[in-house]
C-alpha cells in the first residue's frame, strides 16, 4: 500500500494503521459499555462509538499521512519529542481516569 502526502511524497502507512486500529479497539470495547451505563440504547451507543472511531480515523489520516513531512522528524529535537510523548501519555491516563469516574459513582 503506497500512501502519499499532499506533496506527493511516499509516507509509511504503519503509524496511521496502528492509530486507526487502536482507535477501533478502544472505541468498540470501551465506548458502548460506557454509554450503556448512562442508560443509552445499544443502537445509539454503537452509533456514537462509530462516530468517534470515524473522527479518530480521519484525524489520524490527516495528521500522519496527508500533512506529514518526512523532514520534520529531523527538525524536532529528540528531547522535545520525548517531552511531547510524556505529556500525551499523562493526558491519556487522565482522560481514562475521568471516563472511569461515572462508572464508580453508581
Protein backbone atom coordinates (compact mmCIF):
# COMPACT_ATOMS: atom_id res chain seq x y z
CA UNK A 1 0.00 0.00 0.00
CA UNK A 2 1.68 3.18 -1.17
CA UNK A 3 0.36 6.25 0.63
CA UNK A 4 1.41 9.71 -0.43
CA UNK A 5 1.05 13.01 1.37
CA UNK A 6 -0.36 16.13 -0.23
CA UNK A 7 3.04 16.92 -1.76
CA UNK A 8 3.24 13.52 -3.47
CA UNK A 9 5.95 12.10 -1.22
CA UNK A 10 5.68 8.49 -0.09
CA UNK A 11 4.61 8.04 3.55
CA UNK A 12 4.92 5.00 5.80
CA UNK A 13 1.39 3.60 6.40
CA UNK A 14 2.26 1.77 9.64
CA UNK A 15 1.82 4.68 12.13
CA UNK A 16 -1.58 5.55 10.68
CA UNK A 17 -2.64 1.90 10.69
CA UNK A 18 -1.60 1.49 14.33
CA UNK A 19 -3.54 4.58 15.41
CA UNK A 20 -6.65 3.56 13.44
CA UNK A 21 -6.62 0.01 14.79
CA UNK A 22 -6.05 1.26 18.34
CA UNK A 23 -8.95 3.69 17.94
CA UNK A 24 -11.13 0.84 16.67
CA UNK A 25 -10.27 -1.38 19.62
CA UNK A 26 -10.75 1.43 22.13
CA UNK A 27 -13.99 2.78 20.69
CA UNK A 28 -15.76 -0.55 20.38
CA UNK A 29 -14.50 -2.15 23.58
CA UNK A 30 -14.93 0.82 25.91
CA UNK A 31 -17.47 3.08 24.17
CA UNK A 32 -20.68 1.03 24.10
CA UNK A 33 -20.28 -0.23 27.67
CA UNK A 34 -19.58 3.28 28.90
CA UNK A 35 -22.59 4.72 27.10
CA UNK A 36 -24.84 1.85 28.21
CA UNK A 37 -24.02 2.80 31.81
CA UNK A 38 -25.79 6.11 31.10
CA UNK A 39 -28.93 4.19 30.01
CA UNK A 40 -28.49 4.85 26.29
CA UNK A 41 -29.79 2.25 23.89
CA UNK A 42 -27.32 -0.20 22.39
CA UNK A 43 -28.02 1.14 18.90
CA UNK A 44 -27.25 4.72 19.94
CA UNK A 45 -24.14 3.62 21.84
CA UNK A 46 -22.83 1.79 18.78
CA UNK A 47 -23.57 4.76 16.52
CA UNK A 48 -21.76 7.10 18.89
CA UNK A 49 -18.77 4.75 19.07
CA UNK A 50 -18.73 4.54 15.29
CA UNK A 51 -18.78 8.33 15.04
CA UNK A 52 -15.86 8.69 17.44
CA UNK A 53 -13.95 5.98 15.54
CA UNK A 54 -14.53 7.70 12.19
CA UNK A 55 -13.40 11.06 13.59
CA UNK A 56 -10.28 9.47 15.09
CA UNK A 57 -9.51 7.70 11.80
CA UNK A 58 -9.91 10.87 9.75
CA UNK A 59 -7.75 12.78 12.22
CA UNK A 60 -5.06 10.10 12.12
CA UNK A 61 -5.02 10.08 8.33
CA UNK A 62 -4.83 13.87 8.19
CA UNK A 63 -2.06 14.09 10.79
CA UNK A 64 0.02 11.01 9.94
CA UNK A 65 -0.39 10.79 6.16
CA UNK A 66 -1.84 13.85 4.47
CA UNK A 67 0.18 16.58 6.24
CA UNK A 68 3.23 14.50 7.24
CA UNK A 69 6.61 15.81 6.13
CA UNK A 70 9.46 13.29 6.40
CA UNK A 71 11.98 16.06 7.03
CA UNK A 72 10.04 17.27 10.08
CA UNK A 73 11.42 14.40 12.14
CA UNK A 74 14.93 15.76 11.61
CA UNK A 75 13.90 19.30 12.61
CA UNK A 76 12.45 18.46 16.04
CA UNK A 77 15.00 17.58 18.75
CA UNK A 78 14.67 14.24 20.49
CA UNK A 79 14.11 15.89 23.89
CA UNK A 80 11.12 17.83 22.57
CA UNK A 81 9.61 14.71 21.03
CA UNK A 82 10.10 12.77 24.27
CA UNK A 83 8.51 15.56 26.32
CA UNK A 84 5.53 15.58 23.97
CA UNK A 85 5.23 11.80 24.32
CA UNK A 86 5.27 12.01 28.12
CA UNK A 87 2.65 14.78 28.13
CA UNK A 88 0.43 12.85 25.72
CA UNK A 89 0.69 9.76 27.92
CA UNK A 90 -0.22 11.77 31.02
CA UNK A 91 -3.18 13.32 29.20
CA UNK A 92 -4.38 9.89 28.07
CA UNK A 93 -4.14 8.47 31.60
CA UNK A 94 -6.04 11.49 32.92
CA UNK A 95 -8.72 11.10 30.26
CA UNK A 96 -9.19 7.43 31.09
CA UNK A 97 -9.44 8.29 34.80
CA UNK A 98 -12.09 10.92 34.06
CA UNK A 99 -14.02 8.50 31.89
CA UNK A 100 -14.00 5.93 34.70
CA UNK A 101 -15.42 8.29 37.34
CA UNK A 102 -19.10 7.85 36.36
CA UNK A 103 -18.71 4.08 36.45
CA UNK A 104 -17.67 4.20 40.12
CA UNK A 105 -20.31 6.77 41.14
CA UNK A 106 -23.22 4.33 40.95
